[in-house]
Amino acid sequence: MKIHVFGSSLTSCYWNGAATYYRGVYKNLHRLAHQITFAEPDIYQRQQHRDCPTLDYATVRVYETPRELDAVLDESRDADLIIKHSGVGADDEWLEASVLKLRSAETRIAFWDVDAPATLSRVENDPSDPFRSLIPQYDFIFTYGGGAPVISHYKRLGARNCFPIYNALDPDTHFPVPPDPQYECDLVFVGNRLPDREARVEKFFFAAAELAPECRFILGGEGWGGRSLPPNVRWIGHVGTAGHNAINSSARMVLNINRESMAEVGFSPPTRVFEAAGAAACVITDSWAGVDQFFRPNQEILIAGSANDIVRYLREMSQQQKRAIGDAMRKRALIDHAYSSRAQEVDDLLNLHPAAGTNPEAALLAG
């Protein structure tokens, strides 16, 4: 199947938290014999910060916006499936409407939401938002997470269907490596400074650093340069994908902090959790509904309701306990949460819901 994708970026993780997700999903869809074309706009200096300059599983079409918009849309006409991801970062509303004009008996159109809480909040807060009336027209709604609350919400808005395709582990890219002395610390948190997450970073990460002055903390991600840091916190700036394994393998513990909207909706494990799982790191996560659907608390992941919980884990857990939790998390991720499984889910859904001009039995046999 020819799949043409409009997304933020496959080649760069710079200000692009969905990069790992896109790469894992589309690499494994390619392994299932799908032909992938990924169109991404040249914005936010992502092309100047590429961390995946060459890809063998997708044809990447970098376009200038708005000058090349019509041309890049026209290039998708012969696709069997056109996917418009949320959060492309430029011309999103135009693309949401324009891709639907290419829908036919041979071409299906999917909206793949990588930030469902934000999208749903957007249409609920503005009844005149044009995307609201477009939702029922898509052949598929896929989401990055959200579980039952997001599924039911999309269906209330008229969606024909809604299928969560969760984050996962790509064992080809995320795995244990020897510790790197420059990243050795007691706790590391990597995340860009965002309005929807900053209060939770203050509550969990910075508060823990102040409660445990004897511990060493590392903060990664963009946007933190203007924030006054506790003396035991070291900011290392943007962390490209090439550095993820070293960081996750060097810290005694790795902290995950969900954005506020993701935590409220639940069932939305971010990419960082699975990247750390691949390195067999001992992960502490803030509490959110559905975490136990992915990993067993206290056996494969640690749950923190406050900074005090984080400090307790740092002070009381032995190295042997932390290693056991990290190893168990990695084993669970490899068995139940690999991107190969996620891509198979998508492939199965595409075969079970064939295009209007195809024979369902033939489609199933072809799959």
Protein backbone atom coordinates (compact mmCIF):
# COMPACT_ATOMS: atom_id res chain seq x y z
CA MET A 1 0.00 0.00 0.00
CA LYS A 2 1.18 3.51 -0.80
CA ILE A 3 0.92 5.71 2.28
CA HIS A 4 1.47 9.47 2.04
CA VAL A 5 1.95 11.23 5.38
CA PHE A 6 1.81 14.87 6.45
CA GLY A 7 3.58 15.28 9.79
CA SER A 8 5.86 17.59 11.76
CA SER A 9 9.17 15.86 11.02
CA LEU A 10 10.60 12.41 10.51
CA THR A 11 14.17 13.66 10.09
CA SER A 12 14.50 15.86 13.18
CA CYS A 13 13.56 15.60 16.84
CA TYR A 14 14.27 19.31 17.39
CA TRP A 15 11.17 20.77 19.11
CA ASN A 16 9.44 17.65 17.84
CA GLY A 17 8.49 15.16 20.52
CA ALA A 18 6.72 12.90 18.03
CA ALA A 19 9.88 12.01 16.08
CA THR A 20 10.56 8.71 17.87
CA TYR A 21 6.91 7.72 17.47
CA TYR A 22 6.83 8.50 13.75
CA ARG A 23 10.08 6.63 13.14
CA GLY A 24 9.00 3.52 15.03
CA VAL A 25 5.59 3.34 13.38
CA TYR A 26 6.62 4.06 9.80
CA LYS A 27 9.77 1.97 9.83
CA ASN A 28 7.73 -1.02 10.87
CA LEU A 29 4.90 -0.29 8.44
CA HIS A 30 7.58 -0.29 5.73
CA ARG A 31 8.68 -3.73 6.97
CA LEU A 32 5.11 -4.87 6.35
CA ALA A 33 5.58 -3.92 2.67
CA HIS A 34 3.96 -0.47 2.76
CA GLN A 35 5.56 2.34 0.74
CA ILE A 36 5.92 5.44 2.91
CA THR A 37 6.22 9.05 1.75
CA PHE A 38 6.53 11.55 4.59
CA ALA A 39 5.98 15.24 3.83
CA GLU A 40 7.32 17.71 6.42
CA PRO A 41 7.54 21.51 6.31
CA ASP A 42 10.86 23.34 6.57
CA ILE A 43 10.11 25.22 9.81
CA TYR A 44 11.43 25.77 13.36
CA GLN A 45 15.05 25.16 12.22
CA ARG A 46 14.40 21.43 12.23
CA GLN A 47 16.29 20.90 9.00
CA GLN A 48 19.31 22.61 10.57
CA HIS A 49 19.11 20.15 13.49
CA ARG A 50 18.53 16.89 11.66
CA ASP A 51 19.42 13.80 13.66
CA CYS A 52 18.20 11.32 11.02
CA PRO A 53 19.55 12.73 7.75
CA THR A 54 19.05 9.48 5.79
CA LEU A 55 16.20 6.99 6.04
CA ASP A 56 15.84 3.73 4.15
CA TYR A 57 12.19 3.10 5.03
CA ALA A 58 10.56 6.30 3.79
CA THR A 59 10.84 8.91 1.08
CA VAL A 60 10.99 12.25 2.86
CA ARG A 61 9.59 15.30 1.10
CA VAL A 62 10.72 18.52 2.78
CA TYR A 63 8.67 21.42 1.47
CA GLU A 64 8.64 25.18 1.75
CA THR A 65 5.41 26.59 3.05
CA PRO A 66 3.18 28.03 1.75
CA ARG A 67 4.88 28.18 -1.68
CA GLU A 68 4.97 24.41 -2.26
CA LEU A 69 1.78 23.40 -0.46
CA ASP A 70 -0.32 22.78 -3.55
CA ALA A 71 2.43 20.78 -5.19
CA VAL A 72 3.09 18.55 -2.19
CA LEU A 73 -0.62 17.88 -1.80
CA ASP A 74 -0.91 17.01 -5.47
CA GLU A 75 1.92 14.49 -5.06
CA SER A 76 -0.26 12.50 -2.64
CA ARG A 77 -3.07 11.87 -5.15
CA ASP A 78 -1.99 8.35 -6.13
CA ALA A 79 -1.67 7.13 -2.52
CA ASP A 80 -3.90 4.38 -1.17
CA LEU A 81 -3.91 6.09 2.23
CA ILE A 82 -3.25 9.74 3.06
CA ILE A 83 -2.51 10.51 6.70
CA LYS A 84 -2.73 13.99 8.16
CA HIS A 85 -1.08 14.10 11.58
CA SER A 86 -2.04 16.74 14.10
CA GLY A 87 0.59 19.34 14.95
CA VAL A 88 2.36 19.59 11.60
CA GLY A 89 3.22 23.08 12.76
CA ALA A 90 2.21 24.98 9.62
CA ASP A 91 -1.02 25.13 7.62
CA ASP A 92 -2.69 22.53 9.82
CA GLU A 93 -6.26 23.73 9.25
CA TRP A 94 -5.70 23.99 5.51
CA LEU A 95 -4.31 20.45 5.35
CA GLU A 96 -7.10 19.04 7.53
CA ALA A 97 -9.64 20.18 4.96
CA SER A 98 -7.55 19.76 1.80
CA VAL A 99 -6.60 16.10 2.25
CA LEU A 100 -10.29 15.19 2.43
CA LYS A 101 -10.81 16.55 -1.09
CA LEU A 102 -8.60 13.68 -2.32
CA ARG A 103 -10.81 10.99 -0.77
CA SER A 104 -12.10 8.47 -3.32
CA ALA A 105 -13.00 4.81 -3.75
CA GLU A 106 -9.27 4.09 -4.06
CA THR A 107 -7.86 6.60 -1.59
CA ARG A 108 -8.72 6.65 2.09
CA ILE A 109 -7.96 9.54 4.43
CA ALA A 110 -6.87 9.26 8.06
CA PHE A 111 -6.40 11.84 10.77
CA TRP A 112 -3.70 10.66 13.17
CA ASP A 113 -3.79 12.69 16.36
CA VAL A 114 -0.52 12.87 18.30
CA ASP A 115 -2.02 15.23 20.89
CA ALA A 116 -5.68 14.26 21.32
CA PRO A 117 -6.24 16.25 24.56
CA ALA A 118 -5.18 19.46 22.79
CA THR A 119 -7.19 18.72 19.64
CA LEU A 120 -10.36 17.83 21.53
CA SER A 121 -10.00 20.80 23.84
CA ARG A 122 -9.58 23.01 20.78
CA VAL A 123 -12.87 21.95 19.17
CA GLU A 124 -14.80 21.96 22.45
CA ASN A 125 -13.65 25.46 23.35
CA ASP A 126 -14.51 26.78 19.91
CA PRO A 127 -17.72 25.33 18.42
CA SER A 128 -16.94 27.16 15.18
CA ASP A 129 -13.59 25.40 14.76
CA PRO A 130 -13.72 24.01 11.19
CA PHE A 131 -12.12 20.72 12.20
CA ARG A 132 -15.24 19.75 14.19
CA SER A 133 -17.30 19.30 11.02
CA LEU A 134 -14.47 17.43 9.28
CA ILE A 135 -14.12 14.67 11.88
CA PRO A 136 -16.98 12.49 10.50
CA GLN A 137 -15.48 12.63 7.00
CA TYR A 138 -12.25 10.81 7.82
CA ASP A 139 -12.09 7.09 7.11
CA PHE A 140 -9.90 6.59 10.18
CA ILE A 141 -9.08 8.46 13.36
CA PHE A 142 -5.89 7.16 14.92
CA THR A 143 -4.54 8.60 18.18
CA TYR A 144 -1.22 8.55 19.99
CA GLY A 145 -3.00 7.59 23.20
CA GLY A 146 -5.90 8.47 25.43
CA GLY A 147 -7.72 5.18 25.78
CA ALA A 148 -11.48 4.96 26.29
CA PRO A 149 -12.00 8.67 27.17
CA VAL A 150 -10.52 9.82 23.87
CA ILE A 151 -12.29 7.12 21.85
CA SER A 152 -15.69 8.04 23.27
CA HIS A 153 -15.00 11.76 22.84
CA TYR A 154 -14.12 11.40 19.17
CA LYS A 155 -17.19 9.25 18.58
CA ARG A 156 -19.42 11.84 20.24
CA LEU A 157 -18.05 14.30 17.69
CA GLY A 158 -19.14 11.99 14.88
CA ALA A 159 -15.98 10.00 14.15
CA ARG A 160 -16.60 6.76 12.24
CA ASN A 161 -14.03 5.07 14.44
CA CYS A 162 -11.11 5.86 16.73
CA PHE A 163 -8.11 3.60 17.30
CA PRO A 164 -5.35 4.38 19.84
CA ILE A 165 -1.91 3.38 18.56
CA TYR A 166 0.28 3.79 21.60
CA ASN A 167 3.92 4.74 21.87
CA ALA A 168 6.32 1.83 21.98
CA LEU A 169 9.93 0.68 21.96
CA ASP A 170 12.15 0.45 18.92
CA PRO A 171 14.85 -2.00 20.05
CA ASP A 172 16.94 -1.10 16.99
CA THR A 173 17.48 2.42 18.31
CA HIS A 174 16.99 2.28 22.10
CA PHE A 175 19.04 -0.22 24.06
CA PRO A 176 21.50 -0.40 27.00
CA VAL A 177 24.97 1.10 26.50
CA PRO A 178 27.91 1.58 28.88
CA PRO A 179 27.49 4.54 31.27
CA ASP A 180 28.92 7.85 30.12
CA PRO A 181 30.64 9.79 32.95
CA GLN A 182 29.32 13.13 31.65
CA TYR A 183 25.75 11.97 32.25
CA GLU A 184 26.19 10.19 35.56
CA CYS A 185 23.68 11.51 38.10
CA ASP A 186 21.03 10.36 40.54
CA LEU A 187 18.08 11.51 38.48
CA VAL A 188 17.65 12.79 34.91
CA PHE A 189 14.64 14.43 33.33
CA VAL A 190 14.54 15.32 29.62
CA GLY A 191 11.71 17.48 28.32
CA ASN A 192 11.25 20.79 26.56
CA ARG A 193 9.86 23.68 28.59
CA LEU A 194 6.16 23.84 27.71
CA PRO A 195 3.30 25.76 29.36
CA ASP A 196 1.31 22.54 29.71
CA ARG A 197 4.12 20.80 31.61
CA GLU A 198 6.08 23.47 33.47
CA ALA A 199 4.00 23.39 36.66
CA ARG A 200 4.42 19.62 36.89
CA VAL A 201 8.19 19.92 36.32
CA GLU A 202 8.28 22.39 39.22
CA LYS A 203 6.19 20.07 41.40
CA PHE A 204 8.15 16.90 40.73
CA PHE A 205 11.65 17.59 39.40
CA PHE A 206 12.72 20.93 40.88
CA ALA A 207 11.01 20.27 44.21
CA ALA A 208 12.78 16.91 44.48
CA ALA A 209 16.12 18.58 43.76
CA GLU A 210 15.52 21.06 46.59
CA LEU A 211 14.47 18.29 48.99
CA ALA A 212 17.56 16.20 48.21
CA PRO A 213 20.56 18.58 48.01
CA GLU A 214 22.93 15.63 48.35
CA CYS A 215 21.75 14.18 45.01
CA ARG A 216 22.83 15.17 41.50
CA PHE A 217 20.17 16.03 38.94
CA ILE A 218 20.41 16.53 35.16
CA LEU A 219 17.84 18.50 33.17
CA GLY A 220 17.68 18.11 29.40
CA GLY A 221 15.53 19.84 26.79
CA GLU A 222 15.07 23.25 25.25
CA GLY A 223 13.73 26.40 26.90
CA TRP A 224 15.13 26.09 30.43
CA GLY A 225 17.95 28.61 30.02
CA GLY A 226 16.04 31.46 31.66
CA ARG A 227 15.04 29.47 34.73
CA SER A 228 17.10 29.80 37.92
CA LEU A 229 18.27 26.30 38.82
CA PRO A 230 19.03 24.72 42.19
CA PRO A 231 22.81 24.22 42.65
CA ASN A 232 22.50 20.44 42.31
CA VAL A 233 20.74 20.65 38.89
CA ARG A 234 22.76 20.78 35.68
CA TRP A 235 21.03 21.78 32.44
CA ILE A 236 22.43 20.17 29.28
CA GLY A 237 20.07 21.67 26.66
CA HIS A 238 18.66 19.85 23.65
CA VAL A 239 19.29 16.10 23.65
CA GLY A 240 19.30 14.50 20.20
CA THR A 241 18.24 10.91 19.73
CA ALA A 242 21.89 9.84 19.48
CA GLY A 243 22.32 10.78 23.15
CA HIS A 244 19.23 9.10 24.58
CA ASN A 245 20.80 5.71 25.26
CA ALA A 246 23.82 7.18 27.00
CA ILE A 247 21.70 9.38 29.25
CA ASN A 248 19.22 6.65 30.10
CA SER A 249 22.02 4.17 30.80
CA SER A 250 24.08 6.58 32.94
CA ALA A 251 21.56 7.99 35.42
CA ARG A 252 20.65 6.00 38.52
CA MET A 253 16.98 6.79 37.77
CA VAL A 254 15.09 8.40 34.90
CA LEU A 255 12.09 10.66 35.55
CA ASN A 256 9.08 10.96 33.27
CA ILE A 257 6.71 13.91 33.69
CA ASN A 258 3.58 14.01 31.56
CA ARG A 259 2.07 17.22 30.28
CA GLU A 260 -0.94 18.30 32.33
CA SER A 261 -3.48 17.47 29.63
CA MET A 262 -1.97 14.03 29.00
CA ALA A 263 -1.95 13.25 32.73
CA GLU A 264 -5.59 14.29 33.08
CA VAL A 265 -6.77 12.12 30.18
CA GLY A 266 -4.44 9.24 31.02
CA PHE A 267 -3.53 6.21 28.92
CA SER A 268 -0.86 8.25 27.14
CA PRO A 269 2.64 6.93 27.88
CA PRO A 270 5.15 9.29 26.19
CA THR A 271 8.02 8.19 23.99
CA ARG A 272 10.53 8.92 26.77
CA VAL A 273 9.12 6.08 28.88
CA PHE A 274 9.76 3.49 26.18
CA GLU A 275 13.13 4.96 25.22
CA ALA A 276 14.22 4.57 28.85
CA ALA A 277 12.72 1.09 28.98
CA GLY A 278 14.87 0.10 26.02
CA ALA A 279 17.97 1.08 27.99
CA ALA A 280 16.76 -0.94 31.01
CA ALA A 281 16.61 2.25 33.07
CA CYS A 282 14.79 2.43 36.37
CA VAL A 283 11.94 4.83 35.53
CA ILE A 284 9.97 6.98 37.93
CA THR A 285 6.81 8.47 36.43
CA ASP A 286 4.28 10.93 37.72
CA SER A 287 0.95 9.28 38.37
CA TRP A 288 -1.65 9.04 35.57
CA ALA A 289 -4.58 6.77 34.81
CA GLY A 290 -3.71 3.69 32.80
CA VAL A 291 -0.02 3.41 33.62
CA ASP A 292 -0.63 -0.12 34.92
CA GLN A 293 -1.99 -1.08 31.48
CA PHE A 294 1.57 -0.78 30.18
CA PHE A 295 3.87 -1.59 33.12
CA ARG A 296 3.38 -3.12 36.57
CA PRO A 297 3.87 -0.51 39.32
CA ASN A 298 6.74 -1.22 41.74
CA GLN A 299 7.88 -4.15 39.60
CA GLU A 300 8.48 -2.60 36.19
CA ILE A 301 8.02 1.13 36.89
CA LEU A 302 7.87 3.41 39.94
CA ILE A 303 4.95 5.80 40.47
CA ALA A 304 5.36 9.16 42.19
CA GLY A 305 2.52 11.29 43.49
CA SER A 306 4.85 13.99 44.77
CA ALA A 307 8.47 15.11 45.02
CA ASN A 308 8.65 13.37 48.39
CA ASP A 309 7.99 10.03 46.66
CA ILE A 310 10.83 10.71 44.22
CA VAL A 311 13.25 11.53 47.01
CA ARG A 312 12.21 8.41 48.91
CA TYR A 313 13.00 6.26 45.87
CA LEU A 314 16.37 7.97 45.42
CA ARG A 315 17.36 7.50 49.05
CA GLU A 316 15.91 4.11 49.89
CA MET A 317 16.14 1.88 46.81
CA SER A 318 19.25 -0.22 46.41
CA GLN A 319 21.16 -0.50 43.18
CA GLN A 320 20.04 -4.14 42.95
CA GLN A 321 16.37 -3.14 43.25
CA LYS A 322 16.72 -0.44 40.62
CA ARG A 323 18.46 -2.81 38.23
CA ALA A 324 15.74 -5.44 38.69
CA ILE A 325 13.00 -2.91 37.91
CA GLY A 326 14.83 -1.63 34.82
CA ASP A 327 15.46 -5.15 33.50
CA ALA A 328 11.83 -6.13 34.07
CA MET A 329 10.61 -3.00 32.31
CA ARG A 330 12.80 -3.67 29.29
CA LYS A 331 11.63 -7.29 29.10
CA ARG A 332 7.98 -6.23 29.23
CA ALA A 333 8.49 -3.57 26.56
CA LEU A 334 10.21 -6.01 24.21
CA ILE A 335 7.40 -8.54 24.58
CA ASP A 336 4.29 -6.35 24.66
CA HIS A 337 5.22 -2.85 23.52
CA ALA A 338 7.44 -2.96 20.46
CA TYR A 339 6.73 -0.79 17.42
CA SER A 340 6.54 -3.93 15.31
CA SER A 341 3.36 -4.81 17.24
CA ARG A 342 1.95 -1.30 16.88
CA ALA A 343 2.53 -1.33 13.11
CA GLN A 344 0.83 -4.72 12.89
CA GLU A 345 -2.20 -3.23 14.67
CA VAL A 346 -2.38 -0.50 12.02
CA ASP A 347 -1.95 -3.00 9.19
CA ASP A 348 -4.72 -5.20 10.58
CA LEU A 349 -7.08 -2.21 10.88
CA LEU A 350 -6.39 -1.13 7.32
CA ASN A 351 -7.15 -4.64 6.07
CA LEU A 352 -10.32 -4.97 8.15
CA HIS A 353 -11.64 -1.64 6.83
CA PRO A 354 -10.85 -1.74 3.11
CA ALA A 355 -11.47 1.13 0.71
CA ALA A 356 -14.93 1.40 -0.80
CA GLY A 357 -13.73 0.15 -4.17
CA THR A 358 -12.03 -3.00 -2.87
CA ASN A 359 -13.21 -6.50 -2.05
CA PRO A 360 -13.00 -7.09 1.75
CA GLU A 361 -12.12 -10.79 1.33
CA ALA A 362 -9.37 -9.96 -1.15
CA ALA A 363 -8.04 -7.28 1.16
CA LEU A 364 -7.89 -9.70 4.09
CA LEU A 365 -6.15 -12.36 1.99
CA ALA A 366 -3.67 -9.79 0.74
CA GLY A 367 -2.84 -8.83 4.35
